[in-house]
Amino acid sequence: MKNTRINNHNGTQIEQVFLANTPWLRLRGLLGRKRLTNEQGLLISPCNSVHTIGMKYSLDIVYLNNNNKVLKITKNLKPWRSSACRGATQVLELAAGNTENKNIKQGDTLSWQD
């Protein structure tokens, strides 16, 4: 997986974001991986829905459109659940509670750096 860094308008950064942009990486997602730290995330593209089947921990889910605008945030999605957002083209998975810690809100526009 490729790494990148994500920023938003208030300077919040997530230092290590793994990109899942192939069918295999999107399918696998975070299954079998350790819990994300507050400085990590997984960006899945293209994607407009996620599930936590087989996961051992909860996640915050950030749905983005083609312009990287936050359309919806699902906080603390527990294992064995699913979530979706019409119009989303990408999903950013974060450690549960991290959208609040990083002050990410609906309507924000995120940007990335390689």
PDB file of N, CA and C in Angstrom:
ATOM      1  N   MET A   1       0.837  -1.186   0.000  1.00  0.00           N
ATOM      2  CA  MET A   1       0.000   0.000   0.000  1.00  0.00           C
ATOM      3  C   MET A   1       0.877   1.243   0.000  1.00  0.00           C
ATOM      4  N   LYS A   2       0.458   2.222  -0.745  1.00  0.00           N
ATOM      5  CA  LYS A   2       1.162   3.500  -0.809  1.00  0.00           C
ATOM      6  C   LYS A   2       0.778   4.356   0.401  1.00  0.00           C
ATOM      7  N   ASN A   3       1.721   5.150   0.900  1.00  0.00           N
ATOM      8  CA  ASN A   3       1.461   6.041   2.034  1.00  0.00           C
ATOM      9  C   ASN A   3       1.306   7.475   1.566  1.00  0.00           C
ATOM     10  N   THR A   4       0.503   8.245   2.282  1.00  0.00           N
ATOM     11  CA  THR A   4       0.332   9.665   2.031  1.00  0.00           C
ATOM     12  C   THR A   4       0.019  10.346   3.355  1.00  0.00           C
ATOM     13  N   ARG A   5      -0.076  11.660   3.360  1.00  0.00           N
ATOM     14  CA  ARG A   5      -0.443  12.444   4.547  1.00  0.00           C
ATOM     15  C   ARG A   5      -1.684  13.252   4.196  1.00  0.00           C
ATOM     16  N   ILE A   6      -2.621  13.352   5.137  1.00  0.00           N
ATOM     17  CA  ILE A   6      -3.866  14.090   4.909  1.00  0.00           C
ATOM     18  C   ILE A   6      -3.913  15.317   5.804  1.00  0.00           C
ATOM     19  N   ASN A   7      -4.369  16.439   5.220  1.00  0.00           N
ATOM     20  CA  ASN A   7      -4.525  17.703   5.944  1.00  0.00           C
ATOM     21  C   ASN A   7      -5.946  18.208   5.750  1.00  0.00           C
ATOM     22  N   ASN A   8      -6.405  19.063   6.685  1.00  0.00           N
ATOM     23  CA  ASN A   8      -7.651  19.784   6.443  1.00  0.00           C
ATOM     24  C   ASN A   8      -7.439  21.262   6.729  1.00  0.00           C
ATOM     25  N   HIS A   9      -8.495  22.060   6.600  1.00  0.00           N
ATOM     26  CA  HIS A   9      -8.385  23.523   6.671  1.00  0.00           C
ATOM     27  C   HIS A   9      -7.802  24.038   7.977  1.00  0.00           C
ATOM     28  N   ASN A  10      -7.979  23.322   9.068  1.00  0.00           N
ATOM     29  CA  ASN A  10      -7.481  23.818  10.351  1.00  0.00           C
ATOM     30  C   ASN A  10      -6.101  23.275  10.693  1.00  0.00           C
ATOM     31  N   GLY A  11      -5.442  22.668   9.711  1.00  0.00           N
ATOM     32  CA  GLY A  11      -4.078  22.193   9.915  1.00  0.00           C
ATOM     33  C   GLY A  11      -3.979  20.797  10.488  1.00  0.00           C
ATOM     34  N   THR A  12      -5.103  20.165  10.746  1.00  0.00           N
ATOM     35  CA  THR A  12      -5.088  18.802  11.268  1.00  0.00           C
ATOM     36  C   THR A  12      -4.411  17.883  10.272  1.00  0.00           C
ATOM     37  N   GLN A  13      -3.564  17.009  10.791  1.00  0.00           N
ATOM     38  CA  GLN A  13      -2.872  16.078   9.914  1.00  0.00           C
ATOM     39  C   GLN A  13      -3.023  14.653  10.407  1.00  0.00           C
ATOM     40  N   ILE A  14      -3.103  13.766   9.459  1.00  0.00           N
ATOM     41  CA  ILE A  14      -2.989  12.341   9.729  1.00  0.00           C
ATOM     42  C   ILE A  14      -1.756  11.914   8.955  1.00  0.00           C
ATOM     43  N   GLU A  15      -0.720  11.562   9.681  1.00  0.00           N
ATOM     44  CA  GLU A  15       0.613  11.403   9.103  1.00  0.00           C
ATOM     45  C   GLU A  15       0.782  10.212   8.171  1.00  0.00           C
ATOM     46  N   GLN A  16       0.140   9.092   8.470  1.00  0.00           N
ATOM     47  CA  GLN A  16       0.379   7.884   7.684  1.00  0.00           C
ATOM     48  C   GLN A  16      -0.952   7.307   7.218  1.00  0.00           C
ATOM     49  N   VAL A  17      -1.267   7.567   5.968  1.00  0.00           N
ATOM     50  CA  VAL A  17      -2.505   7.055   5.388  1.00  0.00           C
ATOM     51  C   VAL A  17      -2.138   6.060   4.296  1.00  0.00           C
ATOM     52  N   PHE A  18      -2.637   4.862   4.439  1.00  0.00           N
ATOM     53  CA  PHE A  18      -2.406   3.810   3.459  1.00  0.00           C
ATOM     54  C   PHE A  18      -3.480   3.917   2.388  1.00  0.00           C
ATOM     55  N   LEU A  19      -3.087   3.811   1.128  1.00  0.00           N
ATOM     56  CA  LEU A  19      -4.031   3.904   0.012  1.00  0.00           C
ATOM     57  C   LEU A  19      -4.416   2.507  -0.459  1.00  0.00           C
ATOM     58  N   ALA A  20      -5.703   2.235  -0.468  1.00  0.00           N
ATOM     59  CA  ALA A  20      -6.224   0.974  -0.993  1.00  0.00           C
ATOM     60  C   ALA A  20      -6.962   1.312  -2.283  1.00  0.00           C
ATOM     61  N   ASN A  21      -6.261   1.190  -3.404  1.00  0.00           N
ATOM     62  CA  ASN A  21      -6.833   1.624  -4.676  1.00  0.00           C
ATOM     63  C   ASN A  21      -6.786   0.548  -5.758  1.00  0.00           C
ATOM     64  N   THR A  22      -6.603  -0.691  -5.342  1.00  0.00           N
ATOM     65  CA  THR A  22      -6.711  -1.818  -6.270  1.00  0.00           C
ATOM     66  C   THR A  22      -7.815  -2.732  -5.740  1.00  0.00           C
ATOM     67  N   PRO A  23      -8.392  -3.564  -6.598  1.00  0.00           N
ATOM     68  CA  PRO A  23      -9.463  -4.444  -6.111  1.00  0.00           C
ATOM     69  C   PRO A  23      -9.048  -5.277  -4.892  1.00  0.00           C
ATOM     70  N   TRP A  24      -7.859  -5.843  -4.907  1.00  0.00           N
ATOM     71  CA  TRP A  24      -7.416  -6.675  -3.782  1.00  0.00           C
ATOM     72  C   TRP A  24      -7.243  -5.847  -2.509  1.00  0.00           C
ATOM     73  N   LEU A  25      -6.608  -4.690  -2.607  1.00  0.00           N
ATOM     74  CA  LEU A  25      -6.394  -3.859  -1.415  1.00  0.00           C
ATOM     75  C   LEU A  25      -7.715  -3.326  -0.869  1.00  0.00           C
ATOM     76  N   ARG A  26      -8.648  -2.974  -1.752  1.00  0.00           N
ATOM     77  CA  ARG A  26      -9.967  -2.511  -1.294  1.00  0.00           C
ATOM     78  C   ARG A  26     -10.720  -3.639  -0.600  1.00  0.00           C
ATOM     79  N   LEU A  27     -10.647  -4.836  -1.159  1.00  0.00           N
ATOM     80  CA  LEU A  27     -11.332  -5.984  -0.568  1.00  0.00           C
ATOM     81  C   LEU A  27     -10.762  -6.314   0.808  1.00  0.00           C
ATOM     82  N   ARG A  28      -9.468  -6.299   0.931  1.00  0.00           N
ATOM     83  CA  ARG A  28      -8.821  -6.658   2.200  1.00  0.00           C
ATOM     84  C   ARG A  28      -9.011  -5.580   3.255  1.00  0.00           C
ATOM     85  N   GLY A  29      -8.870  -4.322   2.862  1.00  0.00           N
ATOM     86  CA  GLY A  29      -9.028  -3.229   3.819  1.00  0.00           C
ATOM     87  C   GLY A  29      -8.130  -3.402   5.027  1.00  0.00           C
ATOM     88  N   LEU A  30      -8.713  -3.341   6.211  1.00  0.00           N
ATOM     89  CA  LEU A  30      -7.956  -3.469   7.458  1.00  0.00           C
ATOM     90  C   LEU A  30      -8.054  -4.861   8.073  1.00  0.00           C
ATOM     91  N   LEU A  31      -8.690  -5.803   7.380  1.00  0.00           N
ATOM     92  CA  LEU A  31      -8.825  -7.152   7.928  1.00  0.00           C
ATOM     93  C   LEU A  31      -7.462  -7.749   8.240  1.00  0.00           C
ATOM     94  N   GLY A  32      -7.323  -8.264   9.445  1.00  0.00           N
ATOM     95  CA  GLY A  32      -6.080  -8.900   9.859  1.00  0.00           C
ATOM     96  C   GLY A  32      -4.987  -7.931  10.248  1.00  0.00           C
ATOM     97  N   ARG A  33      -5.281  -6.655  10.259  1.00  0.00           N
ATOM     98  CA  ARG A  33      -4.275  -5.653  10.625  1.00  0.00           C
ATOM     99  C   ARG A  33      -4.496  -5.181  12.055  1.00  0.00           C
ATOM    100  N   LYS A  34      -3.415  -4.683  12.647  1.00  0.00           N
ATOM    101  CA  LYS A  34      -3.500  -4.139  13.998  1.00  0.00           C
ATOM    102  C   LYS A  34      -4.371  -2.891  14.003  1.00  0.00           C
ATOM    103  N   ARG A  35      -4.853  -2.554  15.182  1.00  0.00           N
ATOM    104  CA  ARG A  35      -5.661  -1.350  15.373  1.00  0.00           C
ATOM    105  C   ARG A  35      -4.884  -0.130  14.877  1.00  0.00           C
ATOM    106  N   LEU A  36      -5.572   0.781  14.203  1.00  0.00           N
ATOM    107  CA  LEU A  36      -4.947   2.017  13.731  1.00  0.00           C
ATOM    108  C   LEU A  36      -4.575   2.908  14.912  1.00  0.00           C
ATOM    109  N   THR A  37      -3.462   3.617  14.790  1.00  0.00           N
ATOM    110  CA  THR A  37      -3.114   4.630  15.777  1.00  0.00           C
ATOM    111  C   THR A  37      -3.822   5.927  15.392  1.00  0.00           C
ATOM    112  N   ASN A  38      -3.696   6.954  16.219  1.00  0.00           N
ATOM    113  CA  ASN A  38      -4.306   8.252  15.908  1.00  0.00           C
ATOM    114  C   ASN A  38      -3.616   8.956  14.750  1.00  0.00           C
ATOM    115  N   GLU A  39      -2.479   8.468  14.317  1.00  0.00           N
ATOM    116  CA  GLU A  39      -1.747   9.070  13.196  1.00  0.00           C
ATOM    117  C   GLU A  39      -1.832   8.223  11.940  1.00  0.00           C
ATOM    118  N   GLN A  40      -2.753   7.263  11.910  1.00  0.00           N
ATOM    119  CA  GLN A  40      -2.884   6.378  10.759  1.00  0.00           C
ATOM    120  C   GLN A  40      -4.319   6.351  10.246  1.00  0.00           C
ATOM    121  N   GLY A  41      -4.446   6.000   8.975  1.00  0.00           N
ATOM    122  CA  GLY A  41      -5.754   5.830   8.367  1.00  0.00           C
ATOM    123  C   GLY A  41      -5.637   4.967   7.127  1.00  0.00           C
ATOM    124  N   LEU A  42      -6.771   4.585   6.580  1.00  0.00           N
ATOM    125  CA  LEU A  42      -6.829   3.838   5.332  1.00  0.00           C
ATOM    126  C   LEU A  42      -7.781   4.571   4.405  1.00  0.00           C
ATOM    127  N   LEU A  43      -7.293   4.983   3.238  1.00  0.00           N
ATOM    128  CA  LEU A  43      -8.108   5.646   2.225  1.00  0.00           C
ATOM    129  C   LEU A  43      -8.449   4.620   1.153  1.00  0.00           C
ATOM    130  N   ILE A  44      -9.752   4.351   0.978  1.00  0.00           N
ATOM    131  CA  ILE A  44     -10.218   3.360   0.016  1.00  0.00           C
ATOM    132  C   ILE A  44     -10.871   4.100  -1.145  1.00  0.00           C
ATOM    133  N   SER A  45     -10.374   3.837  -2.362  1.00  0.00           N
ATOM    134  CA  SER A  45     -10.874   4.544  -3.535  1.00  0.00           C
ATOM    135  C   SER A  45     -10.832   3.623  -4.752  1.00  0.00           C
ATOM    136  N   PRO A  46     -11.919   3.523  -5.499  1.00  0.00           N
ATOM    137  CA  PRO A  46     -13.234   4.100  -5.263  1.00  0.00           C
ATOM    138  C   PRO A  46     -13.988   3.283  -4.217  1.00  0.00           C
ATOM    139  N   CYS A  47     -14.883   3.963  -3.494  1.00  0.00           N
ATOM    140  CA  CYS A  47     -15.643   3.301  -2.440  1.00  0.00           C
ATOM    141  C   CYS A  47     -16.754   4.222  -1.941  1.00  0.00           C
ATOM    142  N   ASN A  48     -17.926   3.654  -1.669  1.00  0.00           N
ATOM    143  CA  ASN A  48     -19.006   4.439  -1.065  1.00  0.00           C
ATOM    144  C   ASN A  48     -19.696   3.701   0.076  1.00  0.00           C
ATOM    145  N   SER A  49     -19.169   2.518   0.426  1.00  0.00           N
ATOM    146  CA  SER A  49     -19.719   1.777   1.559  1.00  0.00           C
ATOM    147  C   SER A  49     -18.628   0.895   2.158  1.00  0.00           C
ATOM    148  N   VAL A  50     -18.783   0.598   3.436  1.00  0.00           N
ATOM    149  CA  VAL A  50     -17.812  -0.254   4.128  1.00  0.00           C
ATOM    150  C   VAL A  50     -18.558  -1.211   5.056  1.00  0.00           C
ATOM    151  N   HIS A  51     -17.855  -2.255   5.450  1.00  0.00           N
ATOM    152  CA  HIS A  51     -18.370  -3.152   6.486  1.00  0.00           C
ATOM    153  C   HIS A  51     -17.224  -3.447   7.448  1.00  0.00           C
ATOM    154  N   THR A  52     -17.589  -3.864   8.625  1.00  0.00           N
ATOM    155  CA  THR A  52     -16.578  -4.216   9.627  1.00  0.00           C
ATOM    156  C   THR A  52     -16.704  -5.691  10.008  1.00  0.00           C
ATOM    157  N   ILE A  53     -17.168  -6.500   9.066  1.00  0.00           N
ATOM    158  CA  ILE A  53     -17.266  -7.939   9.295  1.00  0.00           C
ATOM    159  C   ILE A  53     -15.861  -8.493   9.483  1.00  0.00           C
ATOM    160  N   GLY A  54     -15.657  -9.204  10.573  1.00  0.00           N
ATOM    161  CA  GLY A  54     -14.353  -9.785  10.867  1.00  0.00           C
ATOM    162  C   GLY A  54     -13.400  -8.854  11.590  1.00  0.00           C
ATOM    163  N   MET A  55     -13.794  -7.608  11.783  1.00  0.00           N
ATOM    164  CA  MET A  55     -12.933  -6.647  12.485  1.00  0.00           C
ATOM    165  C   MET A  55     -13.014  -6.892  13.990  1.00  0.00           C
ATOM    166  N   LYS A  56     -11.952  -6.489  14.690  1.00  0.00           N
ATOM    167  CA  LYS A  56     -11.906  -6.657  16.143  1.00  0.00           C
ATOM    168  C   LYS A  56     -11.973  -5.328  16.872  1.00  0.00           C
ATOM    169  N   TYR A  57     -12.151  -4.241  16.122  1.00  0.00           N
ATOM    170  CA  TYR A  57     -12.187  -2.914  16.737  1.00  0.00           C
ATOM    171  C   TYR A  57     -13.097  -1.997  15.929  1.00  0.00           C
ATOM    172  N   SER A  58     -13.552  -0.930  16.579  1.00  0.00           N
ATOM    173  CA  SER A  58     -14.437   0.051  15.943  1.00  0.00           C
ATOM    174  C   SER A  58     -13.631   1.057  15.130  1.00  0.00           C
ATOM    175  N   LEU A  59     -14.306   1.706  14.190  1.00  0.00           N
ATOM    176  CA  LEU A  59     -13.671   2.691  13.313  1.00  0.00           C
ATOM    177  C   LEU A  59     -14.542   3.933  13.178  1.00  0.00           C
ATOM    178  N   ASP A  60     -13.918   5.062  12.878  1.00  0.00           N
ATOM    179  CA  ASP A  60     -14.619   6.240  12.376  1.00  0.00           C
ATOM    180  C   ASP A  60     -14.487   6.193  10.859  1.00  0.00           C
ATOM    181  N   ILE A  61     -15.580   6.447  10.158  1.00  0.00           N
ATOM    182  CA  ILE A  61     -15.606   6.373   8.698  1.00  0.00           C
ATOM    183  C   ILE A  61     -15.919   7.758   8.145  1.00  0.00           C
ATOM    184  N   VAL A  62     -15.052   8.246   7.246  1.00  0.00           N
ATOM    185  CA  VAL A  62     -15.227   9.557   6.620  1.00  0.00           C
ATOM    186  C   VAL A  62     -15.488   9.327   5.132  1.00  0.00           C
ATOM    187  N   TYR A  63     -16.659   9.751   4.661  1.00  0.00           N
ATOM    188  CA  TYR A  63     -17.031   9.602   3.254  1.00  0.00           C
ATOM    189  C   TYR A  63     -16.710  10.890   2.513  1.00  0.00           C
ATOM    190  N   LEU A  64     -16.018  10.752   1.371  1.00  0.00           N
ATOM    191  CA  LEU A  64     -15.569  11.898   0.582  1.00  0.00           C
ATOM    192  C   LEU A  64     -16.119  11.816  -0.838  1.00  0.00           C
ATOM    193  N   ASN A  65     -16.306  12.999  -1.464  1.00  0.00           N
ATOM    194  CA  ASN A  65     -16.693  13.020  -2.875  1.00  0.00           C
ATOM    195  C   ASN A  65     -15.446  13.198  -3.745  1.00  0.00           C
ATOM    196  N   ASN A  66     -15.651  13.421  -5.050  1.00  0.00           N
ATOM    197  CA  ASN A  66     -14.518  13.577  -5.979  1.00  0.00           C
ATOM    198  C   ASN A  66     -13.650  14.787  -5.670  1.00  0.00           C
ATOM    199  N   ASN A  67     -14.205  15.778  -4.987  1.00  0.00           N
ATOM    200  CA  ASN A  67     -13.451  16.985  -4.621  1.00  0.00           C
ATOM    201  C   ASN A  67     -12.869  16.900  -3.221  1.00  0.00           C
ATOM    202  N   ASN A  68     -12.887  15.706  -2.630  1.00  0.00           N
ATOM    203  CA  ASN A  68     -12.348  15.452  -1.287  1.00  0.00           C
ATOM    204  C   ASN A  68     -13.116  16.175  -0.190  1.00  0.00           C
ATOM    205  N   LYS A  69     -14.370  16.516  -0.484  1.00  0.00           N
ATOM    206  CA  LYS A  69     -15.230  17.144   0.518  1.00  0.00           C
ATOM    207  C   LYS A  69     -15.870  16.052   1.375  1.00  0.00           C
ATOM    208  N   VAL A  70     -15.889  16.268   2.685  1.00  0.00           N
ATOM    209  CA  VAL A  70     -16.490  15.311   3.614  1.00  0.00           C
ATOM    210  C   VAL A  70     -18.014  15.387   3.498  1.00  0.00           C
ATOM    211  N   LEU A  71     -18.615  14.298   3.022  1.00  0.00           N
ATOM    212  CA  LEU A  71     -20.062  14.230   2.859  1.00  0.00           C
ATOM    213  C   LEU A  71     -20.757  13.722   4.117  1.00  0.00           C
ATOM    214  N   LYS A  72     -20.105  12.800   4.792  1.00  0.00           N
ATOM    215  CA  LYS A  72     -20.719  12.144   5.946  1.00  0.00           C
ATOM    216  C   LYS A  72     -19.624  11.553   6.816  1.00  0.00           C
ATOM    217  N   ILE A  73     -19.874  11.507   8.112  1.00  0.00           N
ATOM    218  CA  ILE A  73     -18.977  10.844   9.053  1.00  0.00           C
ATOM    219  C   ILE A  73     -19.803   9.855   9.869  1.00  0.00           C
ATOM    220  N   THR A  74     -19.363   8.618   9.894  1.00  0.00           N
ATOM    221  CA  THR A  74     -19.965   7.609  10.761  1.00  0.00           C
ATOM    222  C   THR A  74     -18.970   7.359  11.881  1.00  0.00           C
ATOM    223  N   LYS A  75     -19.356   7.723  13.086  1.00  0.00           N
ATOM    224  CA  LYS A  75     -18.446   7.590  14.229  1.00  0.00           C
ATOM    225  C   LYS A  75     -18.644   6.249  14.924  1.00  0.00           C
ATOM    226  N   ASN A  76     -17.512   5.669  15.346  1.00  0.00           N
ATOM    227  CA  ASN A  76     -17.506   4.470  16.181  1.00  0.00           C
ATOM    228  C   ASN A  76     -18.308   3.316  15.571  1.00  0.00           C
ATOM    229  N   LEU A  77     -18.046   3.021  14.293  1.00  0.00           N
ATOM    230  CA  LEU A  77     -18.701   1.888  13.638  1.00  0.00           C
ATOM    231  C   LEU A  77     -18.141   0.604  14.242  1.00  0.00           C
ATOM    232  N   LYS A  78     -18.982  -0.122  14.931  1.00  0.00           N
ATOM    233  CA  LYS A  78     -18.562  -1.309  15.670  1.00  0.00           C
ATOM    234  C   LYS A  78     -18.353  -2.499  14.729  1.00  0.00           C
ATOM    235  N   PRO A  79     -17.615  -3.522  15.184  1.00  0.00           N
ATOM    236  CA  PRO A  79     -17.441  -4.731  14.373  1.00  0.00           C
ATOM    237  C   PRO A  79     -18.779  -5.352  13.983  1.00  0.00           C
ATOM    238  N   TRP A  80     -18.787  -5.961  12.803  1.00  0.00           N
ATOM    239  CA  TRP A  80     -19.928  -6.670  12.252  1.00  0.00           C
ATOM    240  C   TRP A  80     -21.082  -5.742  11.870  1.00  0.00           C
ATOM    241  N   ARG A  81     -20.740  -4.516  11.460  1.00  0.00           N
ATOM    242  CA  ARG A  81     -21.739  -3.541  11.016  1.00  0.00           C
ATOM    243  C   ARG A  81     -21.375  -3.075   9.605  1.00  0.00           C
ATOM    244  N   SER A  82     -22.266  -2.295   8.987  1.00  0.00           N
ATOM    245  CA  SER A  82     -21.974  -1.709   7.677  1.00  0.00           C
ATOM    246  C   SER A  82     -22.485  -0.280   7.651  1.00  0.00           C
ATOM    247  N   SER A  83     -21.963   0.483   6.694  1.00  0.00           N
ATOM    248  CA  SER A  83     -22.336   1.885   6.541  1.00  0.00           C
ATOM    249  C   SER A  83     -22.107   2.276   5.090  1.00  0.00           C
ATOM    250  N   ALA A  84     -22.911   3.231   4.597  1.00  0.00           N
ATOM    251  CA  ALA A  84     -22.788   3.679   3.206  1.00  0.00           C
ATOM    252  C   ALA A  84     -23.147   5.152   3.110  1.00  0.00           C
ATOM    253  N   CYS A  85     -22.756   5.759   1.980  1.00  0.00           N
ATOM    254  CA  CYS A  85     -23.082   7.162   1.735  1.00  0.00           C
ATOM    255  C   CYS A  85     -23.267   7.370   0.236  1.00  0.00           C
ATOM    256  N   ARG A  86     -24.461   7.764  -0.149  1.00  0.00           N
ATOM    257  CA  ARG A  86     -24.745   8.067  -1.552  1.00  0.00           C
ATOM    258  C   ARG A  86     -23.898   9.263  -1.977  1.00  0.00           C
ATOM    259  N   GLY A  87     -23.269   9.164  -3.131  1.00  0.00           N
ATOM    260  CA  GLY A  87     -22.467  10.254  -3.666  1.00  0.00           C
ATOM    261  C   GLY A  87     -21.001  10.198  -3.286  1.00  0.00           C
ATOM    262  N   ALA A  88     -20.655   9.337  -2.338  1.00  0.00           N
ATOM    263  CA  ALA A  88     -19.248   9.213  -1.941  1.00  0.00           C
ATOM    264  C   ALA A  88     -18.475   8.450  -3.010  1.00  0.00           C
ATOM    265  N   THR A  89     -17.218   8.831  -3.186  1.00  0.00           N
ATOM    266  CA  THR A  89     -16.339   8.127  -4.118  1.00  0.00           C
ATOM    267  C   THR A  89     -15.110   7.565  -3.420  1.00  0.00           C
ATOM    268  N   GLN A  90     -14.894   7.992  -2.178  1.00  0.00           N
ATOM    269  CA  GLN A  90     -13.747   7.543  -1.393  1.00  0.00           C
ATOM    270  C   GLN A  90     -14.162   7.441   0.068  1.00  0.00           C
ATOM    271  N   VAL A  91     -13.481   6.568   0.788  1.00  0.00           N
ATOM    272  CA  VAL A  91     -13.738   6.412   2.216  1.00  0.00           C
ATOM    273  C   VAL A  91     -12.409   6.456   2.953  1.00  0.00           C
ATOM    274  N   LEU A  92     -12.368   7.225   4.020  1.00  0.00           N
ATOM    275  CA  LEU A  92     -11.203   7.285   4.903  1.00  0.00           C
ATOM    276  C   LEU A  92     -11.582   6.601   6.205  1.00  0.00           C
ATOM    277  N   GLU A  93     -10.890   5.514   6.531  1.00  0.00           N
ATOM    278  CA  GLU A  93     -11.125   4.803   7.779  1.00  0.00           C
ATOM    279  C   GLU A  93     -10.089   5.257   8.798  1.00  0.00           C
ATOM    280  N   LEU A  94     -10.570   5.618   9.989  1.00  0.00           N
ATOM    281  CA  LEU A  94      -9.711   6.109  11.065  1.00  0.00           C
ATOM    282  C   LEU A  94     -10.011   5.348  12.349  1.00  0.00           C
ATOM    283  N   ALA A  95      -9.094   5.426  13.298  1.00  0.00           N
ATOM    284  CA  ALA A  95      -9.340   4.854  14.619  1.00  0.00           C
ATOM    285  C   ALA A  95     -10.585   5.503  15.213  1.00  0.00           C
ATOM    286  N   ALA A  96     -11.379   4.729  15.931  1.00  0.00           N
ATOM    287  CA  ALA A  96     -12.595   5.259  16.557  1.00  0.00           C
ATOM    288  C   ALA A  96     -12.241   6.449  17.440  1.00  0.00           C
ATOM    289  N   GLY A  97     -12.999   7.530  17.291  1.00  0.00           N
ATOM    290  CA  GLY A  97     -12.762   8.751  18.061  1.00  0.00           C
ATOM    291  C   GLY A  97     -11.838   9.740  17.388  1.00  0.00           C
ATOM    292  N   ASN A  98     -11.211   9.331  16.299  1.00  0.00           N
ATOM    293  CA  ASN A  98     -10.201  10.189  15.675  1.00  0.00           C
ATOM    294  C   ASN A  98     -10.797  11.336  14.866  1.00  0.00           C
ATOM    295  N   THR A  99     -12.025  11.212  14.370  1.00  0.00           N
ATOM    296  CA  THR A  99     -12.612  12.358  13.664  1.00  0.00           C
ATOM    297  C   THR A  99     -12.815  13.512  14.639  1.00  0.00           C
ATOM    298  N   GLU A 100     -13.175  13.189  15.861  1.00  0.00           N
ATOM    299  CA  GLU A 100     -13.324  14.234  16.876  1.00  0.00           C
ATOM    300  C   GLU A 100     -11.959  14.753  17.326  1.00  0.00           C
ATOM    301  N   ASN A 101     -11.012  13.848  17.577  1.00  0.00           N
ATOM    302  CA  ASN A 101      -9.661  14.252  17.995  1.00  0.00           C
ATOM    303  C   ASN A 101      -8.992  15.152  16.967  1.00  0.00           C
ATOM    304  N   LYS A 102      -9.207  14.858  15.689  1.00  0.00           N
ATOM    305  CA  LYS A 102      -8.563  15.601  14.600  1.00  0.00           C
ATOM    306  C   LYS A 102      -9.444  16.730  14.072  1.00  0.00           C
ATOM    307  N   ASN A 103     -10.614  16.923  14.682  1.00  0.00           N
ATOM    308  CA  ASN A 103     -11.528  18.006  14.323  1.00  0.00           C
ATOM    309  C   ASN A 103     -11.947  17.943  12.849  1.00  0.00           C
ATOM    310  N   ILE A 104     -12.246  16.738  12.378  1.00  0.00           N
ATOM    311  CA  ILE A 104     -12.732  16.550  11.010  1.00  0.00           C
ATOM    312  C   ILE A 104     -14.251  16.610  11.058  1.00  0.00           C
ATOM    313  N   LYS A 105     -14.827  17.477  10.218  1.00  0.00           N
ATOM    314  CA  LYS A 105     -16.269  17.705  10.256  1.00  0.00           C
ATOM    315  C   LYS A 105     -16.876  17.576   8.857  1.00  0.00           C
ATOM    316  N   GLN A 106     -18.176  17.282   8.823  1.00  0.00           N
ATOM    317  CA  GLN A 106     -18.893  17.256   7.556  1.00  0.00           C
ATOM    318  C   GLN A 106     -18.765  18.625   6.903  1.00  0.00           C
ATOM    319  N   GLY A 107     -18.460  18.644   5.601  1.00  0.00           N
ATOM    320  CA  GLY A 107     -18.272  19.894   4.871  1.00  0.00           C
ATOM    321  C   GLY A 107     -16.815  20.284   4.709  1.00  0.00           C
ATOM    322  N   ASP A 108     -15.914  19.720   5.527  1.00  0.00           N
ATOM    323  CA  ASP A 108     -14.477  19.983   5.373  1.00  0.00           C
ATOM    324  C   ASP A 108     -13.999  19.456   4.025  1.00  0.00           C
ATOM    325  N   THR A 109     -12.928  20.034   3.518  1.00  0.00           N
ATOM    326  CA  THR A 109     -12.249  19.512   2.338  1.00  0.00           C
ATOM    327  C   THR A 109     -10.863  19.068   2.766  1.00  0.00           C
ATOM    328  N   LEU A 110     -10.534  17.822   2.470  1.00  0.00           N
ATOM    329  CA  LEU A 110      -9.238  17.264   2.842  1.00  0.00           C
ATOM    330  C   LEU A 110      -8.292  17.323   1.652  1.00  0.00           C
ATOM    331  N   SER A 111      -7.014  17.370   1.934  1.00  0.00           N
ATOM    332  CA  SER A 111      -5.993  17.336   0.876  1.00  0.00           C
ATOM    333  C   SER A 111      -4.904  16.372   1.298  1.00  0.00           C
ATOM    334  N   TRP A 112      -4.182  15.827   0.322  1.00  0.00           N
ATOM    335  CA  TRP A 112      -3.117  14.884   0.634  1.00  0.00           C
ATOM    336  C   TRP A 112      -1.793  15.337   0.067  1.00  0.00           C
ATOM    337  N   GLN A 113      -0.748  14.839   0.717  1.00  0.00           N
ATOM    338  CA  GLN A 113       0.627  15.064   0.270  1.00  0.00           C
ATOM    339  C   GLN A 113       1.313  13.714   0.210  1.00  0.00           C
ATOM    340  N   ASP A 114       2.096  13.499  -0.842  1.00  0.00           N
ATOM    341  CA  ASP A 114       2.879  12.258  -0.933  1.00  0.00           C
ATOM    342  C   ASP A 114       4.184  12.416  -0.204  1.00  0.00           C
TER     343      ASP A 114
END
